Each structure stands twice: as structure tokens, then as C-alpha cells.
C-alpha atoms as a PDB file:
ATOM      1  CA  MET A   1      39.337 172.300  18.687  1.00  0.00           C
ATOM      2  CA  THR A   2      41.166 168.976  19.850  1.00  0.00           C
ATOM      3  CA  LEU A   3      39.695 166.395  21.992  1.00  0.00           C
ATOM      4  CA  VAL A   4      41.352 163.245  23.680  1.00  0.00           C
ATOM      5  CA  PHE A   5      39.568 160.378  25.112  1.00  0.00           C
ATOM      6  CA  THR A   6      41.579 158.109  27.470  1.00  0.00           C
ATOM      7  CA  ASP A   7      40.870 154.333  28.868  1.00  0.00           C
ATOM      8  CA  VAL A   8      42.880 152.142  30.514  1.00  0.00           C
ATOM      9  CA  GLN A   9      43.304 149.064  28.628  1.00  0.00           C
ATOM     10  CA  GLY A  10      41.868 145.583  30.406  1.00  0.00           C
ATOM     11  CA  SER A  11      40.766 147.881  33.566  1.00  0.00           C
ATOM     12  CA  THR A  12      37.163 145.451  34.080  1.00  0.00           C
ATOM     13  CA  THR A  13      39.742 142.337  34.120  1.00  0.00           C
ATOM     14  CA  GLN A  14      42.629 144.367  36.658  1.00  0.00           C
ATOM     15  CA  TRP A  15      39.441 145.399  38.632  1.00  0.00           C
ATOM     16  CA  GLU A  16      38.765 142.052  39.150  1.00  0.00           C
ATOM     17  CA  MET A  17      41.941 140.408  40.075  1.00  0.00           C
ATOM     18  CA  HIS A  18      43.444 142.570  42.485  1.00  0.00           C
ATOM     19  CA  PRO A  19      40.002 145.507  43.504  1.00  0.00           C
ATOM     20  CA  LEU A  20      42.300 147.013  45.994  1.00  0.00           C
ATOM     21  CA  VAL A  21      45.778 147.588  44.157  1.00  0.00           C
ATOM     22  CA  MET A  22      43.585 149.300  40.969  1.00  0.00           C
ATOM     23  CA  GLU A  23      41.562 151.225  43.051  1.00  0.00           C
ATOM     24  CA  LYS A  24      45.643 152.845  44.046  1.00  0.00           C
ATOM     25  CA  ALA A  25      46.272 152.230  40.779  1.00  0.00           C
ATOM     26  CA  LEU A  26      43.631 154.883  39.469  1.00  0.00           C
ATOM     27  CA  GLU A  27      44.276 157.084  42.081  1.00  0.00           C
ATOM     28  CA  MET A  28      47.505 157.521  40.631  1.00  0.00           C
ATOM     29  CA  HIS A  29      46.241 157.290  37.182  1.00  0.00           C
ATOM     30  CA  ASP A  30      44.476 160.201  37.898  1.00  0.00           C
ATOM     31  CA  LYS A  31      46.668 162.316  39.743  1.00  0.00           C
ATOM     32  CA  VAL A  32      49.042 162.453  36.631  1.00  0.00           C
ATOM     33  CA  MET A  33      46.288 163.027  34.048  1.00  0.00           C
ATOM     34  CA  ARG A  34      45.283 165.661  35.751  1.00  0.00           C
ATOM     35  CA  SER A  35      48.791 167.518  36.657  1.00  0.00           C
ATOM     36  CA  HIS A  36      49.466 168.325  33.549  1.00  0.00           C
ATOM     37  CA  ILE A  37      45.560 169.448  31.781  1.00  0.00           C
ATOM     38  CA  GLU A  38      46.425 172.950  32.736  1.00  0.00           C
ATOM     39  CA  GLU A  39      50.076 172.801  32.055  1.00  0.00           C
ATOM     40  CA  PHE A  40      49.056 172.016  28.396  1.00  0.00           C
ATOM     41  CA  THR A  41      45.657 174.633  28.388  1.00  0.00           C
ATOM     42  CA  GLY A  42      43.481 171.270  28.156  1.00  0.00           C
ATOM     43  CA  TYR A  43      39.896 171.189  29.812  1.00  0.00           C
ATOM     44  CA  GLU A  44      38.665 168.489  31.936  1.00  0.00           C
ATOM     45  CA  VAL A  45      35.338 168.089  30.231  1.00  0.00           C
ATOM     46  CA  LYS A  46      34.596 164.760  31.892  1.00  0.00           C
ATOM     47  CA  THR A  47      34.991 161.585  33.402  1.00  0.00           C
ATOM     48  CA  GLU A  48      33.836 158.066  33.759  1.00  0.00           C
ATOM     49  CA  GLY A  49      35.300 155.289  35.242  1.00  0.00           C
ATOM     50  CA  ASP A  50      38.802 155.503  33.951  1.00  0.00           C
ATOM     51  CA  ALA A  51      38.447 157.124  30.865  1.00  0.00           C
ATOM     52  CA  PHE A  52      39.235 161.033  30.612  1.00  0.00           C
ATOM     53  CA  PHE A  53      37.438 163.634  27.809  1.00  0.00           C
ATOM     54  CA  ILE A  54      39.366 166.106  27.951  1.00  0.00           C
ATOM     55  CA  SER A  55      39.627 169.773  24.840  1.00  0.00           C
ATOM     56  CA  PHE A  56      42.260 171.321  24.021  1.00  0.00           C
ATOM     57  CA  GLU A  57      42.147 174.631  21.958  1.00  0.00           C
ATOM     58  CA  ARG A  58      45.707 173.856  19.862  1.00  0.00           C
ATOM     59  CA  PRO A  59      46.166 169.818  18.206  1.00  0.00           C
ATOM     60  CA  GLU A  60      49.978 170.292  19.548  1.00  0.00           C
ATOM     61  CA  ASP A  61      49.075 170.639  23.366  1.00  0.00           C
ATOM     62  CA  ALA A  62      46.949 167.786  22.980  1.00  0.00           C
ATOM     63  CA  ILE A  63      49.922 165.605  21.758  1.00  0.00           C
ATOM     64  CA  ARG A  64      52.071 166.906  24.189  1.00  0.00           C
ATOM     65  CA  PHE A  65      49.653 166.454  26.960  1.00  0.00           C
ATOM     66  CA  CYS A  66      49.410 162.735  25.725  1.00  0.00           C
ATOM     67  CA  PHE A  67      53.338 162.006  25.162  1.00  0.00           C
ATOM     68  CA  LYS A  68      54.148 163.919  28.687  1.00  0.00           C
ATOM     69  CA  VAL A  69      51.013 161.506  30.082  1.00  0.00           C
ATOM     70  CA  GLN A  70      52.476 158.254  28.866  1.00  0.00           C
ATOM     71  CA  VAL A  71      55.940 159.252  29.815  1.00  0.00           C
ATOM     72  CA  ASP A  72      55.016 160.020  33.301  1.00  0.00           C
ATOM     73  CA  LEU A  73      52.577 156.884  33.819  1.00  0.00           C
ATOM     74  CA  LEU A  74      55.849 155.047  32.282  1.00  0.00           C
ATOM     75  CA  LYS A  75      57.868 156.187  35.263  1.00  0.00           C
ATOM     76  CA  GLU A  76      55.124 155.677  37.933  1.00  0.00           C
ATOM     77  CA  GLU A  77      55.823 153.715  41.047  1.00  0.00           C
ATOM     78  CA  TRP A  78      53.382 151.184  40.533  1.00  0.00           C
ATOM     79  CA  ALA A  79      52.410 148.659  43.599  1.00  0.00           C
ATOM     80  CA  GLU A  80      54.522 145.092  42.125  1.00  0.00           C
ATOM     81  CA  ASP A  81      50.709 143.460  42.316  1.00  0.00           C
ATOM     82  CA  VAL A  82      50.115 145.652  38.731  1.00  0.00           C
ATOM     83  CA  PHE A  83      52.710 144.006  36.541  1.00  0.00           C
ATOM     84  CA  LYS A  84      50.762 140.710  37.372  1.00  0.00           C
ATOM     85  CA  HIS A  85      48.026 141.519  35.121  1.00  0.00           C
ATOM     86  CA  PRO A  86      48.647 141.218  31.646  1.00  0.00           C
ATOM     87  CA  ASP A  87      47.989 144.629  30.293  1.00  0.00           C
ATOM     88  CA  ALA A  88      49.965 145.882  33.033  1.00  0.00           C
ATOM     89  CA  LYS A  89      52.761 143.784  33.337  1.00  0.00           C
ATOM     90  CA  ILE A  90      56.401 145.028  31.927  1.00  0.00           C
ATOM     91  CA  GLU A  91      57.489 144.389  28.475  1.00  0.00           C
ATOM     92  CA  ALA A  92      60.508 145.182  26.928  1.00  0.00           C
ATOM     93  CA  SER A  93      62.252 146.057  23.420  1.00  0.00           C
ATOM     94  CA  PRO A  94      64.538 143.789  21.788  1.00  0.00           C
ATOM     95  CA  SER A  95      67.115 146.346  23.148  1.00  0.00           C
ATOM     96  CA  GLY A  96      66.136 146.374  26.429  1.00  0.00           C
ATOM     97  CA  ALA A  97      64.080 149.879  26.232  1.00  0.00           C
ATOM     98  CA  VAL A  98      61.013 149.483  28.481  1.00  0.00           C
ATOM     99  CA  LEU A  99      58.069 149.650  26.139  1.00  0.00           C
ATOM    100  CA  TYR A 100      55.547 149.054  29.174  1.00  0.00           C
ATOM    101  CA  ARG A 101      55.354 148.683  32.755  1.00  0.00           C
ATOM    102  CA  GLY A 102      51.988 149.481  34.733  1.00  0.00           C
ATOM    103  CA  LEU A 103      48.912 150.656  33.737  1.00  0.00           C
ATOM    104  CA  ARG A 104      48.410 151.250  29.840  1.00  0.00           C
ATOM    105  CA  VAL A 105      46.469 154.241  28.278  1.00  0.00           C
ATOM    106  CA  ARG A 106      44.847 154.425  25.283  1.00  0.00           C
ATOM    107  CA  MET A 107      44.547 157.609  24.039  1.00  0.00           C
ATOM    108  CA  GLY A 108      42.625 159.018  20.955  1.00  0.00           C
ATOM    109  CA  VAL A 109      43.417 162.254  19.446  1.00  0.00           C
ATOM    110  CA  HIS A 110      40.339 163.958  17.435  1.00  0.00           C
ATOM    111  CA  THR A 111      41.153 167.562  15.944  1.00  0.00           C
ATOM    112  CA  GLY A 112      38.824 169.634  13.255  1.00  0.00           C
ATOM    113  CA  GLU A 113      36.937 172.611  13.096  1.00  0.00           C
ATOM    114  CA  PRO A 114      33.391 171.763  14.219  1.00  0.00           C
ATOM    115  CA  THR A 115      30.132 173.627  13.078  1.00  0.00           C
ATOM    116  CA  CYS A 116      27.453 175.259  14.616  1.00  0.00           C
ATOM    117  CA  ALA A 117      24.633 173.415  14.416  1.00  0.00           C
ATOM    118  CA  LYS A 118      21.348 171.786  16.906  1.00  0.00           C
ATOM    119  CA  ASN A 119      20.208 168.361  16.777  1.00  0.00           C
ATOM    120  CA  PRO A 120      18.354 168.151  13.598  1.00  0.00           C
ATOM    121  CA  VAL A 121      15.802 165.868  15.279  1.00  0.00           C
ATOM    122  CA  THR A 122      14.994 167.779  18.785  1.00  0.00           C
ATOM    123  CA  GLY A 123      16.030 171.252  17.469  1.00  0.00           C
ATOM    124  CA  GLY A 124      17.451 171.195  20.844  1.00  0.00           C
ATOM    125  CA  LEU A 125      21.286 171.401  22.121  1.00  0.00           C
ATOM    126  CA  PRO A 126      23.031 168.330  23.526  1.00  0.00           C
ATOM    127  CA  SER A 127      23.809 167.841  26.927  1.00  0.00           C
ATOM    128  CA  PRO A 128      27.018 166.312  27.698  1.00  0.00           C
ATOM    129  CA  ASP A 129      25.176 164.341  30.899  1.00  0.00           C
ATOM    130  CA  THR A 130      22.743 162.422  28.444  1.00  0.00           C
ATOM    131  CA  HIS A 131      25.373 161.048  25.989  1.00  0.00           C
ATOM    132  CA  THR A 132      28.033 158.238  26.465  1.00  0.00           C
ATOM    133  CA  LEU A 133      31.285 158.212  24.954  1.00  0.00           C
ATOM    134  CA  PHE A 134      30.523 156.583  22.246  1.00  0.00           C
ATOM    135  CA  SER A 135      27.713 159.122  21.514  1.00  0.00           C
ATOM    136  CA  LEU A 136      30.038 162.208  21.852  1.00  0.00           C
ATOM    137  CA  LEU A 137      32.457 160.700  19.261  1.00  0.00           C
ATOM    138  CA  LEU A 138      29.244 160.049  16.881  1.00  0.00           C
ATOM    139  CA  PHE A 139      27.983 163.724  17.243  1.00  0.00           C
ATOM    140  CA  PHE A 140      31.189 165.479  17.501  1.00  0.00           C
ATOM    141  CA  THR A 141      31.954 167.023  13.636  1.00  0.00           C
ATOM    142  CA  HIS A 142      27.803 168.264  14.313  1.00  0.00           C
ATOM    143  CA  LEU A 143      26.829 169.373  17.531  1.00  0.00           C
ATOM    144  CA  LEU A 144      30.111 169.741  20.135  1.00  0.00           C
ATOM    145  CA  PRO A 145      29.780 173.438  19.245  1.00  0.00           C
ATOM    146  CA  SER A 146      26.538 173.629  21.124  1.00  0.00           C
ATOM    147  CA  PHE A 147      28.999 172.177  24.094  1.00  0.00           C
ATOM    148  CA  ARG A 148      31.409 175.050  23.495  1.00  0.00           C
ATOM    149  CA  SER A 149      29.078 177.775  23.574  1.00  0.00           C
ATOM    150  CA  HIS A 150      27.759 176.604  26.878  1.00  0.00           C
ATOM    151  CA  GLY A 151      31.274 177.355  28.078  1.00  0.00           C
ATOM    152  CA  LEU A 152      30.964 173.160  28.803  1.00  0.00           C
ATOM    153  CA  LEU A 153      34.525 172.780  26.892  1.00  0.00           C
ATOM    154  CA  TRP A 154      36.125 176.346  26.811  1.00  0.00           C
ATOM    155  CA  PRO A 155      35.438 177.861  30.429  1.00  0.00           C
ATOM    156  CA  ARG A 156      38.051 180.939  29.349  1.00  0.00           C
ATOM    157  CA  GLY A 157      34.768 182.881  28.084  1.00  0.00           C
ATOM    158  CA  LYS A 158      35.647 182.349  25.087  1.00  0.00           C
ATOM    159  CA  GLN A 159      32.113 181.520  22.945  1.00  0.00           C
ATOM    160  CA  ILE A 160      32.171 180.231  19.445  1.00  0.00           C
ATOM    161  CA  CYS A 161      28.399 180.076  18.652  1.00  0.00           C
ATOM    162  CA  GLN A 162      25.032 181.415  20.413  1.00  0.00           C
ATOM    163  CA  ASP A 163      22.060 179.715  20.714  1.00  0.00           C
END
């Protein structure tokens, strides 16, 4: 199982600087993200603000997804005001190749074989609605299979462990 967590760099100050521009930019960001999730056999687990939590069965698909999204975001037709923010300005390498252009999206890729386990304190199964993104990262290796067993990460009917 491979998980991808994304976050727009500097989004809070971008919202403060240009709220209307950022609203449109985030719509464009979301469209690019969602246009490739199914293409790479991913599953959108959750979004919060500008952050995405996506699962993939294979690490190669997650990496290809990330690469494709980054390339498409670089090519996106952002409003000129987007480039006024330091975390969205256009930057090029010494040879002239464009390195950054528009929203910069950080992407963390986590992969491994989780174990099937209930919460040792409560004895229950975690709910993705009651945990923050940070908490999800902390208990990934111990509790994530419980999400998967309930079909929250694998909607294709693949059940790894049962209650």
C-alpha cells in the first residue's frame, strides 16, 4: 500500500494576499489532482483545505501520479496575480529551464505493508473523520489496515483484514 499526502506551500499567506485569486487557483489545483487519481488507480481518501490524502496499491502508480501532477501544475494557466506570491513565483534554473511556476505542491509518499491491528488503548477501529492528517501519519503502520478493511481505502472490494 502506498499513500500520498499533498499540501500547497504557503497557501495561508496566499489566501491572505489574494483571496479571490487563490479561490480560482485552488479550483484549478483540485481539478489537476482529481484528473489523475483514477488514471493511476488511486483513491481519494480525504481532502482538507488544499491537502489531499490519496491511496495507491502500487508505489509506482503513486510516483507516476505525483510526477504527472507536478508537470501539469507547472503548465497550468495561472492568473498573473498568483505569481506575485514568493511561494508561487516563476523561477528558472541557470540554463533557463522553468523550475517553479504557480502553486507549489509538496507531496509525501509513504509505502509499506501495514499490519492489521486494533487500537491498543481503546480496542476499537480508527475513524478517518476523527483524526487529523498528522495523527494519520503517526498511526499509519499500526492502524491503517483497519481503514482498508472497511473499504475506505480500497473501494474495489479488496479486503485485507477483518474485524
